[in-house]
Protein backbone atom coordinates (compact mmCIF):
# COMPACT_ATOMS: atom_id res chain seq x y z
CA MET A 1 5.27 -21.28 30.29
CA MET A 2 2.13 -19.95 28.48
CA LYS A 3 1.86 -16.41 27.05
CA PHE A 4 -0.95 -14.18 27.67
CA GLY A 5 -0.64 -14.02 23.64
CA ASP A 6 -1.83 -17.90 23.21
CA ASN A 7 -5.17 -17.33 24.01
CA ILE A 8 -5.93 -16.16 20.81
CA LEU A 9 -5.31 -20.07 19.86
CA LYS A 10 -8.70 -20.95 21.12
CA TYR A 11 -10.62 -19.01 18.23
CA ARG A 12 -8.72 -20.28 15.42
CA ASP A 13 -11.48 -22.06 13.71
CA GLU A 14 -13.99 -19.32 14.22
CA PHE A 15 -11.34 -16.64 13.30
CA PHE A 16 -10.42 -18.18 9.75
CA GLU A 17 -14.33 -18.77 8.84
CA ASP A 18 -15.08 -14.76 9.50
CA LEU A 19 -11.45 -14.08 7.56
CA GLY A 20 -12.94 -15.79 4.35
CA LYS A 21 -16.08 -13.83 4.88
CA LEU A 22 -14.10 -10.71 4.87
CA LEU A 23 -11.68 -11.65 2.01
CA SER A 24 -14.88 -12.31 0.21
CA LEU A 25 -15.76 -8.60 -0.10
CA GLU A 26 -14.14 -6.74 -3.07
CA SER A 27 -13.33 -3.41 -1.04
CA VAL A 28 -11.68 -1.43 -3.28
CA ASP A 29 -11.83 2.28 -2.21
CA GLY A 30 -13.27 4.78 -5.31
CA ALA A 31 -14.17 1.51 -7.01
CA LYS A 32 -16.27 -0.45 -4.69
CA PRO A 33 -17.29 2.02 -1.84
CA GLU A 34 -20.40 -0.15 -0.79
CA GLU A 35 -17.98 -3.07 -0.44
CA CYS A 36 -15.91 -1.06 1.87
CA ASP A 37 -18.90 0.05 3.70
CA ARG A 38 -20.10 -3.48 4.32
CA ALA A 39 -16.32 -4.70 5.55
CA LEU A 40 -16.67 -1.80 7.89
CA GLU A 41 -20.33 -2.95 9.00
CA PHE A 42 -19.07 -6.80 9.13
CA ILE A 43 -16.17 -6.19 11.49
CA LEU A 44 -18.43 -3.84 14.00
CA SER A 45 -21.41 -6.38 13.51
CA ARG A 46 -18.97 -9.24 14.81
CA ALA A 47 -17.78 -6.85 17.63
CA ARG A 48 -20.85 -6.53 18.94
CA ASP A 49 -21.26 -10.18 18.94
CA PHE A 50 -18.65 -10.59 21.08
CA GLY A 51 -20.03 -8.39 23.65
CA LEU A 52 -17.72 -5.49 22.85
CA GLU A 53 -18.57 -1.71 22.29
CA ALA A 54 -18.53 -0.74 18.50
CA GLU A 55 -19.13 2.68 17.01
CA ARG A 56 -19.27 3.94 13.50
CA VAL A 57 -17.52 7.43 13.79
CA THR A 58 -17.46 8.52 9.98
CA GLY A 59 -18.67 7.03 6.85
CA GLN A 60 -14.99 5.61 6.34
CA SER A 61 -14.08 4.72 9.71
CA GLY A 62 -15.08 3.16 13.06
CA HIS A 63 -13.83 1.62 16.07
CA VAL A 64 -14.20 -1.38 18.92
CA GLN A 65 -13.49 -0.51 22.68
CA LEU A 66 -12.41 -2.30 25.45
CA GLY A 67 -12.16 -0.40 28.89
CA SER A 68 -12.77 2.73 30.03
CA GLY A 69 -10.13 4.35 31.97
CA GLY A 70 -6.32 5.35 31.76
CA LYS A 71 -4.68 5.80 28.52
CA LEU A 72 -6.06 5.27 25.46
CA CYS A 73 -4.52 2.60 23.21
CA GLY A 74 -5.01 2.06 19.63
CA VAL A 75 -4.26 -0.38 17.25
CA LEU A 76 -5.06 0.91 13.47
CA SER A 77 -5.89 -1.16 10.37
CA HIS A 78 -8.08 -0.69 7.46
CA LEU A 79 -10.56 -2.74 5.47
CA ASP A 80 -10.14 -1.48 1.93
CA VAL A 81 -7.66 -3.29 -0.67
CA VAL A 82 -5.97 -2.54 -3.98
CA PRO A 83 -7.58 -3.87 -6.78
CA ALA A 84 -7.04 -7.43 -7.57
CA GLY A 85 -4.78 -6.92 -11.10
CA ASN A 86 -3.96 -10.07 -13.39
CA ASN A 87 -2.59 -13.22 -13.13
CA TRP A 88 -3.85 -14.47 -10.16
CA SER A 89 -3.82 -18.19 -9.73
CA VAL A 90 -6.76 -18.53 -7.34
CA ASN A 91 -9.81 -16.50 -6.67
CA PRO A 92 -8.29 -12.95 -5.14
CA PHE A 93 -11.95 -12.60 -3.30
CA ALA A 94 -11.74 -15.58 -1.26
CA LEU A 95 -9.51 -17.44 1.38
CA THR A 96 -7.62 -20.43 0.06
CA GLU A 97 -5.49 -22.37 1.78
CA GLN A 98 -2.27 -24.02 -0.36
CA ASN A 99 0.99 -25.76 0.63
CA GLY A 100 0.69 -24.32 3.96
CA ARG A 101 -0.11 -20.58 2.70
CA LEU A 102 -3.27 -18.45 3.01
CA TYR A 103 -4.06 -16.42 -0.36
CA GLY A 104 -6.82 -13.93 -0.93
CA ARG A 105 -6.41 -9.52 -1.87
CA GLY A 106 -5.94 -8.40 1.69
CA ILE A 107 -4.70 -11.42 3.75
CA ALA A 108 -1.48 -9.50 4.29
CA ASP A 109 -2.76 -5.84 3.62
CA ASP A 110 -4.31 -5.62 5.98
CA LYS A 111 -7.56 -7.30 6.56
CA GLY A 112 -6.31 -10.53 7.95
CA ALA A 113 -4.55 -8.23 10.38
CA ALA A 114 -7.49 -6.07 10.92
CA LEU A 115 -9.71 -9.19 11.97
CA VAL A 116 -6.90 -10.15 14.21
CA ASN A 117 -6.99 -6.96 16.10
CA LEU A 118 -10.80 -7.55 16.89
CA TYR A 119 -10.29 -11.21 17.97
CA CYS A 120 -7.70 -9.84 20.24
CA LEU A 121 -10.10 -7.59 21.92
CA ARG A 122 -12.35 -10.23 21.97
CA ALA A 123 -9.66 -12.56 23.89
CA LEU A 124 -8.81 -9.93 26.27
CA LYS A 125 -12.65 -9.08 27.25
CA ASP A 126 -13.40 -13.06 27.80
CA SER A 127 -10.39 -13.74 29.59
CA GLY A 128 -11.89 -11.31 32.54
CA VAL A 129 -8.32 -9.46 32.43
CA GLU A 130 -8.68 -6.61 34.44
CA GLY A 131 -7.22 -3.23 32.25
CA LYS A 132 -5.65 0.11 33.52
CA ASN A 133 -6.13 1.20 30.25
CA THR A 134 -8.50 1.93 27.42
CA VAL A 135 -8.19 -0.17 24.19
CA ARG A 136 -9.77 0.89 20.87
CA ALA A 137 -9.24 -1.25 17.97
CA ILE A 138 -9.81 1.59 15.23
CA TYR A 139 -10.71 0.91 11.30
CA GLY A 140 -10.80 2.61 8.31
CA THR A 141 -11.41 1.89 4.44
CA SER A 142 -9.27 4.66 2.56
CA GLU A 143 -5.88 3.88 3.42
CA GLU A 144 -4.88 2.59 -0.02
CA THR A 145 -6.36 5.89 -1.43
CA GLY A 146 -4.91 8.59 0.83
CA MET A 147 -6.06 8.25 4.35
CA GLU A 148 -8.73 10.60 4.05
CA ASP A 149 -10.53 8.01 6.52
CA MET A 150 -7.95 8.60 9.81
CA GLU A 151 -8.16 12.38 8.78
CA GLY A 152 -11.86 12.46 9.34
CA TYR A 153 -11.66 10.30 12.40
CA PHE A 154 -9.08 11.89 14.60
CA LYS A 155 -11.40 15.11 13.69
CA ALA A 156 -14.17 13.26 15.78
CA GLN A 157 -12.15 11.43 18.24
CA PRO A 158 -8.90 12.07 20.29
CA LEU A 159 -5.14 10.58 19.28
CA PRO A 160 -4.35 7.87 21.05
CA ASP A 161 -1.63 8.31 23.85
CA LEU A 162 0.44 4.92 22.41
CA ALA A 163 -0.94 2.96 19.24
CA PHE A 164 0.54 0.71 16.69
CA THR A 165 -0.68 -0.60 13.30
CA PRO A 166 -0.17 -3.87 12.09
CA ASP A 167 0.60 -2.79 8.51
CA SER A 168 4.35 -3.61 7.70
CA GLU A 169 6.35 -6.32 8.65
CA TYR A 170 8.04 -7.59 11.92
CA GLY A 171 10.40 -6.09 14.12
CA ILE A 172 9.29 -2.36 14.68
CA CYS A 173 9.10 0.30 12.04
CA TYR A 174 9.97 3.35 13.64
CA ALA A 175 10.71 5.76 10.21
CA GLU A 176 8.59 5.69 7.13
CA LYS A 177 9.53 8.08 4.24
CA GLY A 178 7.35 10.90 2.92
CA ILE A 179 5.01 10.25 0.59
CA LEU A 180 4.56 12.33 -2.76
CA HIS A 181 1.70 11.83 -5.31
CA ILE A 182 2.23 14.02 -8.37
CA GLU A 183 0.01 14.35 -11.47
CA ILE A 184 1.61 15.50 -14.55
CA SER A 185 -0.43 16.69 -17.81
CA THR A 186 -0.43 18.35 -21.04
CA PRO A 187 -3.29 20.83 -22.02
CA CYS A 188 -4.30 18.41 -24.72
CA ASN A 189 -3.33 15.41 -26.48
CA GLU A 190 -1.45 16.53 -29.29
CA ALA A 191 -0.13 13.31 -30.62
CA LYS A 192 -0.46 12.26 -33.99
CA VAL A 193 0.50 8.68 -34.20
CA LEU A 194 -0.51 7.75 -30.85
CA SER A 195 -4.51 7.51 -30.14
CA GLN A 196 -4.80 5.87 -26.66
CA PHE A 197 -2.34 4.72 -23.90
CA HIS A 198 -3.18 3.20 -20.81
CA SER A 199 -1.94 1.40 -17.69
CA GLY A 200 -2.35 1.24 -13.83
CA LYS A 201 -5.20 1.14 -11.38
CA ALA A 202 -3.14 2.76 -8.62
CA VAL A 203 -0.69 4.74 -8.25
CA ASN A 204 1.08 3.50 -5.37
CA ALA A 205 1.73 -0.06 -7.20
CA VAL A 206 3.77 -0.67 -10.11
CA PRO A 207 1.61 -1.67 -13.19
CA ASP A 208 1.89 -4.98 -14.54
CA LEU A 209 0.25 -4.27 -17.69
CA ALA A 210 0.12 -1.44 -20.40
CA TYR A 211 -1.09 -0.94 -23.96
CA VAL A 212 -0.99 1.70 -26.68
CA MET A 213 -2.87 2.19 -29.70
CA LEU A 214 -0.63 3.81 -32.81
CA ASP A 215 -1.68 4.54 -35.94
CA SER A 216 1.50 3.42 -37.88
CA SER A 217 3.12 2.38 -40.80
CA SER A 218 4.50 -0.87 -41.92
CA TYR A 219 8.03 0.69 -41.49
CA ASP A 220 7.28 1.76 -38.14
CA GLU A 221 5.87 -1.47 -36.84
CA GLN A 222 9.34 -3.01 -38.31
CA ARG A 223 11.66 -0.69 -36.22
CA LEU A 224 9.25 -1.18 -33.08
CA MET A 225 10.04 -5.16 -33.39
CA ARG A 226 13.68 -4.45 -33.58
CA PHE A 227 13.56 -2.57 -30.63
CA ALA A 228 11.42 -4.77 -28.54
CA ASP A 229 13.70 -7.57 -29.74
CA ALA A 230 16.91 -5.95 -28.11
CA GLY A 231 15.26 -3.81 -25.36
CA GLU A 232 14.23 -5.72 -21.80
CA GLY A 233 10.51 -6.12 -21.65
CA SER A 234 7.72 -8.56 -22.84
CA PHE A 235 5.52 -7.21 -26.11
CA GLU A 236 2.88 -8.36 -27.75
CA PHE A 237 1.79 -6.60 -31.21
CA ASN A 238 -1.78 -6.94 -32.40
CA TYR A 239 -3.18 -5.80 -35.71
CA THR A 240 -6.83 -4.28 -34.97
CA ILE A 241 -9.17 -1.91 -37.28
CA ASP A 242 -8.22 1.50 -35.21
CA GLY A 243 -4.49 0.30 -36.03
CA LEU A 244 -1.31 -1.34 -33.83
CA MET A 245 -1.82 -2.28 -30.48
CA ILE A 246 1.01 -2.80 -28.12
CA ILE A 247 0.73 -4.52 -25.12
CA SER A 248 3.55 -4.73 -22.65
CA ARG A 249 3.57 -7.03 -19.63
CA GLY A 250 5.64 -6.60 -16.40
CA LYS A 251 5.70 -7.32 -12.59
CA ALA A 252 3.34 -5.70 -10.15
CA ALA A 253 5.09 -4.79 -6.89
CA HIS A 254 4.29 -1.91 -4.32
CA ALA A 255 5.34 1.51 -4.93
CA CYS A 256 7.63 1.70 -1.49
CA GLU A 257 9.83 -1.25 -3.44
CA PRO A 258 9.49 -0.55 -7.29
CA GLU A 259 12.82 -1.98 -7.89
CA LYS A 260 11.01 -5.34 -7.04
CA GLY A 261 8.60 -5.02 -9.93
CA PHE A 262 8.81 -4.29 -13.62
CA ASN A 263 6.75 -1.19 -14.85
CA ALA A 264 4.90 -2.38 -17.77
CA ALA A 265 4.06 1.44 -18.58
CA ALA A 266 7.76 2.39 -18.31
CA ALA A 267 8.81 -0.34 -20.76
CA LEU A 268 6.47 0.80 -23.47
CA ILE A 269 6.87 4.34 -23.06
CA ASP A 270 10.97 3.59 -23.74
CA LEU A 271 10.04 1.47 -26.46
CA ILE A 272 7.94 3.76 -28.57
CA THR A 273 10.35 6.87 -27.92
CA HIS A 274 12.91 5.20 -29.53
CA ALA A 275 10.58 4.97 -32.61
CA TYR A 276 8.65 7.88 -32.89
CA ASP A 277 9.21 11.98 -32.60
CA VAL A 278 7.59 13.84 -29.91
CA GLU A 279 4.84 15.38 -32.53
CA ASP A 280 3.69 11.51 -33.19
CA ILE A 281 3.62 10.26 -29.41
CA GLY A 282 2.79 13.69 -27.36
CA ALA A 283 5.24 15.62 -25.08
CA LEU A 284 3.56 14.06 -21.69
CA CYS A 285 5.26 10.45 -23.45
CA LEU A 286 8.78 12.01 -23.95
CA PHE A 287 8.81 13.78 -20.74
CA ILE A 288 8.40 10.56 -18.92
CA ASP A 289 11.09 8.88 -21.04
CA TYR A 290 13.46 11.70 -20.09
CA ALA A 291 12.84 12.50 -16.61
CA LEU A 292 12.05 9.16 -15.57
CA ASN A 293 12.76 6.43 -17.93
CA THR A 294 12.68 2.89 -16.58
CA GLU A 295 14.40 4.43 -13.26
CA THR A 296 13.25 3.93 -9.90
CA ASN A 297 15.78 6.35 -8.37
CA GLY A 298 14.81 9.91 -9.19
CA ARG A 299 18.19 10.20 -11.19
CA SER A 300 17.19 12.11 -14.20
CA LEU A 301 14.85 14.42 -12.15
CA GLY A 302 17.71 15.48 -10.30
CA ILE A 303 16.14 14.09 -6.62
CA LYS A 304 18.34 11.07 -6.34
CA MET A 305 19.12 10.63 -2.66
CA SER A 306 19.28 8.68 0.46
CA ASP A 307 20.03 9.00 4.20
CA ALA A 308 21.11 6.57 7.03
CA VAL A 309 17.57 6.47 8.58
CA SER A 310 15.33 5.56 6.05
CA GLY A 311 17.29 4.83 2.51
CA SER A 312 16.96 5.95 -0.96
CA LEU A 313 14.22 7.79 -2.75
CA THR A 314 12.05 6.16 -5.06
CA VAL A 315 9.89 6.56 -7.86
CA ASN A 316 7.28 4.84 -9.40
CA LEU A 317 5.14 5.64 -12.48
CA GLY A 318 1.86 4.66 -11.27
CA ILE A 319 -0.83 5.41 -13.87
CA VAL A 320 -0.99 6.41 -17.39
CA HIS A 321 -3.97 7.96 -19.39
CA ILE A 322 -3.84 9.13 -23.17
CA GLU A 323 -7.11 9.14 -24.78
CA GLY A 324 -9.12 11.84 -26.81
CA GLU A 325 -7.70 15.46 -25.55
CA THR A 326 -6.65 13.64 -22.36
CA ALA A 327 -2.99 13.09 -21.67
CA LYS A 328 -2.03 12.57 -17.84
CA ALA A 329 0.11 10.31 -15.90
CA GLU A 330 0.12 9.85 -11.71
CA ILE A 331 3.58 9.23 -10.14
CA ASP A 332 4.64 8.02 -6.30
CA ILE A 333 7.62 9.28 -4.79
CA ARG A 334 9.17 8.26 -1.33
CA TYR A 335 11.69 10.75 -0.10
CA PRO A 336 14.12 9.92 3.01
CA VAL A 337 13.04 11.04 6.14
CA THR A 338 15.46 13.76 6.94
CA VAL A 339 14.93 15.15 3.49
CA ASN A 340 12.55 18.25 3.47
CA GLY A 341 10.07 17.18 0.95
CA ASP A 342 9.29 20.83 -0.31
CA TYR A 343 12.78 20.61 -1.70
CA VAL A 344 11.94 17.15 -3.80
CA ILE A 345 8.21 19.28 -5.04
CA ARG A 346 10.41 22.24 -6.18
CA GLN A 347 13.10 20.38 -7.96
CA PHE A 348 10.07 18.11 -9.85
CA MET A 349 8.07 21.18 -10.61
CA THR A 350 11.41 22.92 -12.49
CA VAL A 351 12.24 19.60 -14.37
CA ALA A 352 8.62 19.75 -15.69
CA GLU A 353 8.23 23.49 -16.24
CA ARG A 354 11.14 23.08 -18.31
CA SER A 355 9.67 20.60 -20.30
CA GLY A 356 6.08 22.36 -20.73
CA ILE A 357 4.73 19.76 -18.40
CA ASN A 358 1.71 20.74 -16.04
CA ALA A 359 2.39 19.54 -12.21
CA LYS A 360 0.31 19.58 -9.40
CA VAL A 361 0.71 17.55 -6.09
CA THR A 362 -2.30 15.31 -5.25
CA HIS A 363 -0.98 14.16 -2.02
CA HIS A 364 1.75 14.55 0.50
CA GLU A 365 2.26 12.83 3.45
CA ARG A 366 5.32 13.93 5.52
CA PRO A 367 7.71 11.33 7.22
CA LEU A 368 7.19 9.70 10.34
CA TYR A 369 10.15 9.36 13.43
CA VAL A 370 9.87 7.66 16.45
CA GLU A 371 12.68 7.37 19.10
CA LYS A 372 14.41 4.24 19.33
CA ASP A 373 14.14 4.50 23.35
CA SER A 374 10.47 5.11 23.74
CA GLU A 375 7.98 3.63 25.92
CA LEU A 376 5.89 2.36 23.03
CA ILE A 377 8.68 0.50 21.29
CA ARG A 378 9.98 -0.93 24.45
CA LEU A 379 6.87 -2.36 25.18
CA LEU A 380 6.11 -3.62 21.63
CA SER A 381 9.74 -5.14 21.57
CA GLU A 382 9.00 -7.27 24.54
CA ALA A 383 5.92 -8.43 23.57
CA TYR A 384 7.47 -9.57 20.27
CA GLU A 385 10.75 -11.08 22.33
CA SER A 386 8.17 -12.91 24.76
CA VAL A 387 6.75 -14.83 21.67
CA THR A 388 9.54 -15.42 19.85
CA GLY A 389 12.35 -15.58 21.90
CA GLU A 390 14.21 -13.24 19.75
CA LYS A 391 14.73 -9.34 19.86
CA ALA A 392 12.80 -7.24 17.42
CA ASP A 393 14.70 -5.71 14.92
CA ILE A 394 13.99 -1.76 14.65
CA TYR A 395 13.81 -0.75 11.15
CA SER A 396 12.60 2.07 8.73
CA THR A 397 10.49 1.60 5.59
CA GLY A 398 9.02 3.69 2.22
CA GLY A 399 5.61 2.13 2.96
CA GLY A 400 2.85 4.51 4.30
CA THR A 401 0.66 3.57 7.17
CA TYR A 402 -1.57 5.03 9.38
CA ALA A 403 1.36 5.14 11.92
CA ARG A 404 1.79 8.69 10.25
CA LYS A 405 -1.55 10.16 11.15
CA LEU A 406 -0.89 9.42 14.84
CA GLY A 407 1.56 12.48 15.68
CA GLY A 408 4.75 10.60 16.66
CA ARG A 409 2.31 8.38 19.33
CA GLY A 410 2.47 5.38 16.78
CA VAL A 411 4.38 2.93 14.71
CA ALA A 412 3.87 0.20 12.46
CA PHE A 413 4.58 -3.33 14.23
CA GLY A 414 3.77 -6.54 12.10
CA PRO A 415 2.08 -8.32 10.95
CA ASN A 416 4.44 -9.80 8.02
CA PHE A 417 7.69 -11.55 8.35
CA LYS A 418 10.61 -11.09 6.76
CA GLY A 419 11.58 -13.37 3.86
CA ASP A 420 8.31 -14.36 3.70
CA GLU A 421 7.01 -13.46 0.21
CA ILE A 422 3.66 -11.92 0.34
CA ASN A 423 3.22 -10.42 -2.68
CA MET A 424 1.88 -7.21 -1.32
CA HIS A 425 0.17 -5.38 -3.87
CA ASN A 426 0.53 -7.94 -6.49
CA ALA A 427 -0.98 -11.20 -8.03
CA ASP A 428 -1.07 -14.20 -5.30
CA GLU A 429 -0.69 -11.86 -1.99
CA SER A 430 -0.32 -14.59 0.57
CA VAL A 431 1.09 -15.42 3.71
CA ASP A 432 2.75 -18.52 5.54
CA LYS A 433 -0.32 -19.68 7.82
CA GLU A 434 2.32 -20.56 10.69
CA ASN A 435 3.48 -17.09 10.91
CA PHE A 436 0.12 -15.76 10.37
CA ILE A 437 -0.97 -17.43 13.55
CA ARG A 438 2.55 -16.25 15.12
CA HIS A 439 1.31 -12.90 14.17
CA MET A 440 -1.96 -13.34 15.77
CA GLN A 441 -0.14 -14.64 19.31
CA ILE A 442 2.07 -11.50 19.15
CA CYS A 443 -0.90 -9.03 18.67
CA LEU A 444 -2.64 -10.04 21.49
CA GLU A 445 0.54 -10.19 23.46
CA ALA A 446 1.02 -6.43 22.78
CA ILE A 447 -2.67 -5.42 22.88
CA TYR A 448 -2.56 -7.22 26.41
CA ARG A 449 0.48 -4.97 27.35
CA LEU A 450 -1.17 -1.83 26.31
CA TYR A 451 -4.37 -2.65 28.26
CA THR A 452 -2.46 -3.68 31.68
CA GLU A 453 0.35 -1.83 31.70
């Protein structure tokens, strides 16, 4: 029996042609704002080509609309991506198909799903189905850097009555941990031996590369090499005119699952703190080694905790920047949904203050929690089951999606399938092509039900 979601399949060739164009845009928010702008304009322009209403709402957001009455239903996605990083085997800003997989930065997070949303509205319009409700595909371009796009959008536009964002995994994510970004620094860089330390481009990713410059003696170098051989990590020693450069290589991962990566910055700080005193490398490195070390659970900070709904708190050292008079780092903390985030902040500040470290919260997203028996979860569950023949798993995540901007009226739903190694925020981000096509069908089925029920 044909499901409505199957209607998307007739657009496959045109869809993948558009996807290649969208992935070619290097839409890294902050670094390439003009490319973010082009990505949003691409979507709105294609929507108009399809005969759909399209509106630019703010500099960082817009929507495509079908229908005009009933409930306002939303499907939210983002067109910005994290930087490409290192170690790709294909061009990160192109659509590449190899061995049944689709590669490209944003294919899984979240450009692939963003374009699917547009094609779902096209399929609904072309089918001539009469809808009871209004559906909006809502787009932003700063999800990876704090979601100011949706804050601006919802100042200008109403919140949907029901919504989902395909920016996680199947089945349905009803709870999202709280997210804290904290910047730590010292008033100046007082280190005598360490002149530079650089690692990370995004606080919400585990850095896969770090390097330090040291004005060191041959005795120090021998000690460092002994520690490097004895410890975890992959280190490279280079002698330059400015001193000894040590490069640390790790494995990137999303900050919501830092244990799946290997933090190059944390490993390098662990190495140099074994060999030097605080006056040699500075108080910031010493604090990171003492309070974070290579842990991802917050134990040394006194914030190790978990709950039955969303699991354990995680900590990620995302960015370290020491050069000249500047010494600062940025940390990403995901805390369980039943925990008061203010307690986590107070505890962190107490530990930092004790060590003479300045700390400030640069971003705080409170947790999301939607009741499992809500109308929205029922509708999405039925859409998923009708396409797959399986019950949808109802789960929680440490990830942060636009769902938390929806005041309890939205959840994350798809597009990725458990067990598919998509390498989110890592090199060779990719999806299984058959899974991706299955998501297209599920997404259209869900939007069809939002539009007609």
